[in-house]
Amino acid sequence: MHRYRQRFLERVYTPAELKYCLGRKRELEHLAGRFAAKEAVLKVLGTGWRKGINWTDVEILNDPSGQPRVSLHGRCLEVAQARNIREILISISHIETHAIASAVAAGG
């Protein structure tokens, strides 16, 4: 089972996201929160998980103050640029059994 867990984590999360989440006191909550945030970002972009978009094209990291920030890579970045989206703001909440995230796109 561990082998499948590791494969899933590496497919969905970037190394930096895993470094942040794994080993934390509430590891699963943090992973679920980032998963929800990635879903919210793709809804804002209007793509879903298709058109060549990978899970790791959306990266959720915290800034120095602890606020979550979105970094886009690959196809997600191309879609955002084509739609003139300059920034995506997110909010993440999680408890032991639930995680939720919302995202808002800002253009220029």
N, C-alpha and C. Protein backbone atom coordinates (compact mmCIF):
# COMPACT_ATOMS: atom_id res chain seq x y z
N MET A 1 0.82 -1.20 0.00
CA MET A 1 0.00 0.00 0.00
C MET A 1 0.86 1.26 0.00
N HIS A 2 1.96 1.23 0.74
CA HIS A 2 2.83 2.39 0.82
C HIS A 2 3.33 2.81 -0.56
N ARG A 3 3.62 1.83 -1.41
CA ARG A 3 4.11 2.11 -2.76
C ARG A 3 3.10 2.94 -3.55
N TYR A 4 1.81 2.61 -3.43
CA TYR A 4 0.77 3.34 -4.15
C TYR A 4 0.59 4.74 -3.58
N ARG A 5 0.68 4.85 -2.26
CA ARG A 5 0.56 6.16 -1.61
C ARG A 5 1.65 7.10 -2.13
N GLN A 6 2.88 6.61 -2.17
CA GLN A 6 4.00 7.43 -2.63
C GLN A 6 3.81 7.85 -4.08
N ARG A 7 3.38 6.94 -4.92
CA ARG A 7 3.16 7.25 -6.33
C ARG A 7 2.08 8.33 -6.48
N PHE A 8 0.99 8.20 -5.72
CA PHE A 8 -0.08 9.19 -5.74
C PHE A 8 0.45 10.56 -5.31
N LEU A 9 1.16 10.60 -4.19
CA LEU A 9 1.67 11.87 -3.69
C LEU A 9 2.57 12.55 -4.71
N GLU A 10 3.44 11.79 -5.35
CA GLU A 10 4.37 12.37 -6.32
C GLU A 10 3.66 12.81 -7.60
N ARG A 11 2.53 12.20 -7.91
CA ARG A 11 1.77 12.60 -9.09
C ARG A 11 0.96 13.87 -8.85
N VAL A 12 0.51 14.06 -7.62
CA VAL A 12 -0.40 15.17 -7.31
C VAL A 12 0.33 16.40 -6.77
N TYR A 13 1.36 16.19 -5.97
CA TYR A 13 2.02 17.30 -5.28
C TYR A 13 3.44 17.51 -5.77
N THR A 14 3.89 18.77 -5.76
CA THR A 14 5.27 19.08 -6.11
C THR A 14 6.17 18.72 -4.93
N PRO A 15 7.48 18.58 -5.17
CA PRO A 15 8.39 18.31 -4.05
C PRO A 15 8.29 19.36 -2.94
N ALA A 16 8.13 20.62 -3.30
CA ALA A 16 8.02 21.68 -2.29
C ALA A 16 6.73 21.54 -1.47
N GLU A 17 5.63 21.16 -2.12
CA GLU A 17 4.38 20.94 -1.39
C GLU A 17 4.51 19.77 -0.43
N LEU A 18 5.14 18.70 -0.88
CA LEU A 18 5.34 17.53 -0.01
C LEU A 18 6.25 17.87 1.16
N LYS A 19 7.28 18.65 0.91
CA LYS A 19 8.18 19.07 1.99
C LYS A 19 7.42 19.84 3.05
N TYR A 20 6.50 20.70 2.63
CA TYR A 20 5.71 21.48 3.58
C TYR A 20 4.73 20.60 4.36
N CYS A 21 4.05 19.68 3.68
CA CYS A 21 2.95 18.92 4.30
C CYS A 21 3.40 17.71 5.10
N LEU A 22 4.34 16.95 4.56
CA LEU A 22 4.70 15.67 5.18
C LEU A 22 5.47 15.90 6.48
N GLY A 23 5.10 15.15 7.48
CA GLY A 23 5.76 15.26 8.77
C GLY A 23 5.14 16.29 9.70
N ARG A 24 4.16 17.05 9.20
CA ARG A 24 3.47 18.01 10.06
C ARG A 24 2.54 17.26 11.00
N LYS A 25 2.15 17.93 12.06
CA LYS A 25 1.27 17.31 13.04
C LYS A 25 -0.04 16.84 12.40
N ARG A 26 -0.62 17.66 11.52
CA ARG A 26 -1.88 17.32 10.84
C ARG A 26 -1.62 17.17 9.34
N GLU A 27 -0.74 16.25 9.03
CA GLU A 27 -0.27 16.01 7.66
C GLU A 27 -1.41 15.84 6.65
N LEU A 28 -2.36 14.98 6.95
CA LEU A 28 -3.45 14.71 6.01
C LEU A 28 -4.32 15.94 5.78
N GLU A 29 -4.54 16.74 6.81
CA GLU A 29 -5.32 17.97 6.65
C GLU A 29 -4.63 18.92 5.68
N HIS A 30 -3.33 19.04 5.81
CA HIS A 30 -2.58 19.95 4.93
C HIS A 30 -2.58 19.44 3.49
N LEU A 31 -2.42 18.14 3.31
CA LEU A 31 -2.49 17.57 1.96
C LEU A 31 -3.88 17.78 1.36
N ALA A 32 -4.92 17.52 2.14
CA ALA A 32 -6.29 17.69 1.65
C ALA A 32 -6.58 19.15 1.32
N GLY A 33 -6.08 20.07 2.12
CA GLY A 33 -6.27 21.49 1.84
C GLY A 33 -5.64 21.90 0.53
N ARG A 34 -4.44 21.42 0.27
CA ARG A 34 -3.78 21.75 -1.00
C ARG A 34 -4.49 21.07 -2.17
N PHE A 35 -4.98 19.88 -1.96
CA PHE A 35 -5.75 19.20 -3.01
C PHE A 35 -6.98 20.03 -3.36
N ALA A 36 -7.71 20.49 -2.35
CA ALA A 36 -8.90 21.32 -2.57
C ALA A 36 -8.52 22.63 -3.27
N ALA A 37 -7.39 23.20 -2.89
CA ALA A 37 -6.95 24.45 -3.52
C ALA A 37 -6.63 24.25 -5.00
N LYS A 38 -5.99 23.14 -5.33
CA LYS A 38 -5.69 22.85 -6.74
C LYS A 38 -6.98 22.73 -7.54
N GLU A 39 -7.97 22.05 -6.98
CA GLU A 39 -9.27 21.93 -7.64
C GLU A 39 -9.90 23.31 -7.85
N ALA A 40 -9.85 24.16 -6.83
CA ALA A 40 -10.43 25.50 -6.93
C ALA A 40 -9.73 26.33 -8.01
N VAL A 41 -8.43 26.22 -8.09
CA VAL A 41 -7.67 26.96 -9.11
C VAL A 41 -8.09 26.52 -10.51
N LEU A 42 -8.25 25.24 -10.73
CA LEU A 42 -8.64 24.77 -12.06
C LEU A 42 -10.06 25.18 -12.42
N LYS A 43 -10.91 25.31 -11.43
CA LYS A 43 -12.26 25.82 -11.71
C LYS A 43 -12.19 27.28 -12.14
N VAL A 44 -11.33 28.06 -11.50
CA VAL A 44 -11.15 29.47 -11.88
C VAL A 44 -10.61 29.57 -13.30
N LEU A 45 -9.68 28.68 -13.65
CA LEU A 45 -9.12 28.69 -15.00
C LEU A 45 -10.11 28.15 -16.03
N GLY A 46 -11.10 27.39 -15.57
CA GLY A 46 -12.10 26.84 -16.47
C GLY A 46 -11.64 25.64 -17.27
N THR A 47 -10.65 24.93 -16.76
CA THR A 47 -10.08 23.82 -17.53
C THR A 47 -10.41 22.45 -16.96
N GLY A 48 -10.46 22.32 -15.66
CA GLY A 48 -10.52 20.99 -15.07
C GLY A 48 -9.21 20.27 -15.34
N TRP A 49 -9.18 18.97 -15.07
CA TRP A 49 -7.96 18.19 -15.28
C TRP A 49 -7.97 17.58 -16.68
N ARG A 50 -7.88 18.43 -17.67
CA ARG A 50 -7.84 17.96 -19.06
C ARG A 50 -6.99 18.92 -19.87
N LYS A 51 -6.95 18.74 -21.16
CA LYS A 51 -6.19 19.62 -22.05
C LYS A 51 -4.71 19.70 -21.68
N GLY A 52 -4.14 18.56 -21.27
CA GLY A 52 -2.72 18.51 -20.98
C GLY A 52 -2.30 19.10 -19.66
N ILE A 53 -3.24 19.30 -18.76
CA ILE A 53 -2.92 19.88 -17.46
C ILE A 53 -2.62 18.76 -16.46
N ASN A 54 -1.52 18.93 -15.75
CA ASN A 54 -1.10 17.97 -14.73
C ASN A 54 -1.35 18.55 -13.34
N TRP A 55 -1.50 17.67 -12.36
CA TRP A 55 -1.71 18.12 -10.98
C TRP A 55 -0.60 19.06 -10.53
N THR A 56 0.62 18.76 -10.92
CA THR A 56 1.75 19.57 -10.46
C THR A 56 1.90 20.89 -11.22
N ASP A 57 1.04 21.13 -12.20
CA ASP A 57 1.02 22.44 -12.88
C ASP A 57 0.47 23.53 -11.96
N VAL A 58 -0.21 23.12 -10.90
CA VAL A 58 -0.71 24.04 -9.88
C VAL A 58 0.05 23.73 -8.60
N GLU A 59 0.75 24.72 -8.08
CA GLU A 59 1.54 24.54 -6.86
C GLU A 59 1.05 25.52 -5.80
N ILE A 60 0.78 25.00 -4.62
CA ILE A 60 0.30 25.81 -3.51
C ILE A 60 1.37 25.84 -2.43
N LEU A 61 1.98 27.00 -2.25
CA LEU A 61 3.01 27.18 -1.23
C LEU A 61 2.64 28.37 -0.35
N ASN A 62 3.26 28.46 0.80
CA ASN A 62 2.98 29.57 1.69
C ASN A 62 4.05 30.65 1.54
N ASP A 63 3.61 31.92 1.63
CA ASP A 63 4.58 33.01 1.63
C ASP A 63 5.17 33.12 3.05
N PRO A 64 6.14 34.02 3.26
CA PRO A 64 6.78 34.11 4.58
C PRO A 64 5.81 34.37 5.74
N SER A 65 4.68 35.00 5.46
CA SER A 65 3.71 35.26 6.53
C SER A 65 2.78 34.07 6.78
N GLY A 66 2.89 33.02 5.97
CA GLY A 66 2.06 31.83 6.14
C GLY A 66 0.84 31.79 5.23
N GLN A 67 0.64 32.84 4.45
CA GLN A 67 -0.52 32.88 3.55
C GLN A 67 -0.27 31.99 2.33
N PRO A 68 -1.25 31.15 1.96
CA PRO A 68 -1.05 30.29 0.78
C PRO A 68 -1.03 31.11 -0.51
N ARG A 69 -0.13 30.73 -1.39
CA ARG A 69 0.03 31.39 -2.69
C ARG A 69 0.01 30.36 -3.80
N VAL A 70 -0.48 30.77 -4.96
CA VAL A 70 -0.57 29.89 -6.12
C VAL A 70 0.59 30.18 -7.07
N SER A 71 1.27 29.14 -7.49
CA SER A 71 2.25 29.22 -8.57
C SER A 71 1.78 28.30 -9.68
N LEU A 72 1.72 28.82 -10.89
CA LEU A 72 1.29 28.02 -12.03
C LEU A 72 2.49 27.65 -12.89
N HIS A 73 2.43 26.46 -13.45
CA HIS A 73 3.51 25.95 -14.30
C HIS A 73 2.90 25.30 -15.53
N GLY A 74 3.72 25.07 -16.53
CA GLY A 74 3.31 24.31 -17.71
C GLY A 74 2.05 24.84 -18.37
N ARG A 75 1.16 23.92 -18.69
CA ARG A 75 -0.08 24.25 -19.41
C ARG A 75 -0.97 25.19 -18.61
N CYS A 76 -1.00 25.07 -17.29
CA CYS A 76 -1.82 25.99 -16.47
C CYS A 76 -1.35 27.43 -16.63
N LEU A 77 -0.06 27.63 -16.65
CA LEU A 77 0.48 28.97 -16.84
C LEU A 77 0.10 29.51 -18.21
N GLU A 78 0.17 28.68 -19.23
CA GLU A 78 -0.23 29.10 -20.58
C GLU A 78 -1.70 29.52 -20.62
N VAL A 79 -2.56 28.74 -20.00
CA VAL A 79 -4.00 29.06 -19.97
C VAL A 79 -4.23 30.37 -19.24
N ALA A 80 -3.59 30.55 -18.11
CA ALA A 80 -3.76 31.79 -17.34
C ALA A 80 -3.30 33.00 -18.14
N GLN A 81 -2.17 32.89 -18.80
CA GLN A 81 -1.66 34.00 -19.61
C GLN A 81 -2.60 34.30 -20.77
N ALA A 82 -3.13 33.28 -21.42
CA ALA A 82 -4.05 33.47 -22.54
C ALA A 82 -5.33 34.16 -22.09
N ARG A 83 -5.72 33.95 -20.85
CA ARG A 83 -6.95 34.56 -20.31
C ARG A 83 -6.65 35.84 -19.53
N ASN A 84 -5.42 36.31 -19.62
CA ASN A 84 -5.00 37.54 -18.97
C ASN A 84 -5.19 37.48 -17.45
N ILE A 85 -4.99 36.32 -16.87
CA ILE A 85 -5.05 36.16 -15.42
C ILE A 85 -3.65 36.38 -14.88
N ARG A 86 -3.51 37.38 -14.05
CA ARG A 86 -2.20 37.74 -13.52
C ARG A 86 -1.92 37.13 -12.15
N GLU A 87 -2.99 36.87 -11.42
CA GLU A 87 -2.83 36.33 -10.06
C GLU A 87 -4.07 35.54 -9.68
N ILE A 88 -3.88 34.51 -8.91
CA ILE A 88 -5.00 33.75 -8.36
C ILE A 88 -4.85 33.76 -6.84
N LEU A 89 -5.86 34.30 -6.19
CA LEU A 89 -5.87 34.36 -4.73
C LEU A 89 -6.65 33.17 -4.19
N ILE A 90 -6.15 32.57 -3.12
CA ILE A 90 -6.83 31.40 -2.57
C ILE A 90 -6.98 31.52 -1.05
N SER A 91 -7.96 30.81 -0.57
CA SER A 91 -8.18 30.64 0.86
C SER A 91 -8.41 29.16 1.10
N ILE A 92 -7.76 28.63 2.12
CA ILE A 92 -7.87 27.21 2.44
C ILE A 92 -8.28 27.06 3.91
N SER A 93 -9.23 26.19 4.15
CA SER A 93 -9.61 25.84 5.52
C SER A 93 -9.68 24.32 5.62
N HIS A 94 -9.26 23.79 6.76
CA HIS A 94 -9.36 22.35 6.95
C HIS A 94 -9.49 22.02 8.42
N ILE A 95 -10.20 20.94 8.66
CA ILE A 95 -10.29 20.34 9.98
C ILE A 95 -10.01 18.86 9.80
N GLU A 96 -10.13 18.11 10.84
CA GLU A 96 -9.74 16.70 10.79
C GLU A 96 -10.39 15.92 9.65
N THR A 97 -11.66 16.19 9.35
CA THR A 97 -12.38 15.38 8.37
C THR A 97 -12.76 16.10 7.08
N HIS A 98 -12.50 17.39 6.98
CA HIS A 98 -12.92 18.16 5.81
C HIS A 98 -11.87 19.19 5.41
N ALA A 99 -11.82 19.47 4.12
CA ALA A 99 -10.98 20.55 3.60
C ALA A 99 -11.78 21.29 2.54
N ILE A 100 -11.61 22.60 2.51
CA ILE A 100 -12.31 23.43 1.52
C ILE A 100 -11.37 24.55 1.09
N ALA A 101 -11.51 24.95 -0.16
CA ALA A 101 -10.70 26.06 -0.66
C ALA A 101 -11.51 26.85 -1.66
N SER A 102 -11.22 28.13 -1.74
CA SER A 102 -11.84 28.97 -2.76
C SER A 102 -10.73 29.73 -3.46
N ALA A 103 -10.98 30.07 -4.72
CA ALA A 103 -9.99 30.78 -5.52
C ALA A 103 -10.68 31.89 -6.31
N VAL A 104 -9.96 32.99 -6.48
CA VAL A 104 -10.44 34.13 -7.25
C VAL A 104 -9.31 34.56 -8.18
N ALA A 105 -9.64 34.74 -9.46
CA ALA A 105 -8.64 35.17 -10.44
C ALA A 105 -8.67 36.68 -10.57
N ALA A 106 -7.49 37.28 -10.67
CA ALA A 106 -7.36 38.72 -10.88
C ALA A 106 -6.63 38.94 -12.20
N GLY A 107 -7.19 39.78 -13.04
CA GLY A 107 -6.59 40.07 -14.34
C GLY A 107 -6.00 41.47 -14.37
N GLY A 108 -5.43 41.78 -15.52
CA GLY A 108 -4.82 43.10 -15.63
C GLY A 108 -5.35 43.85 -16.79
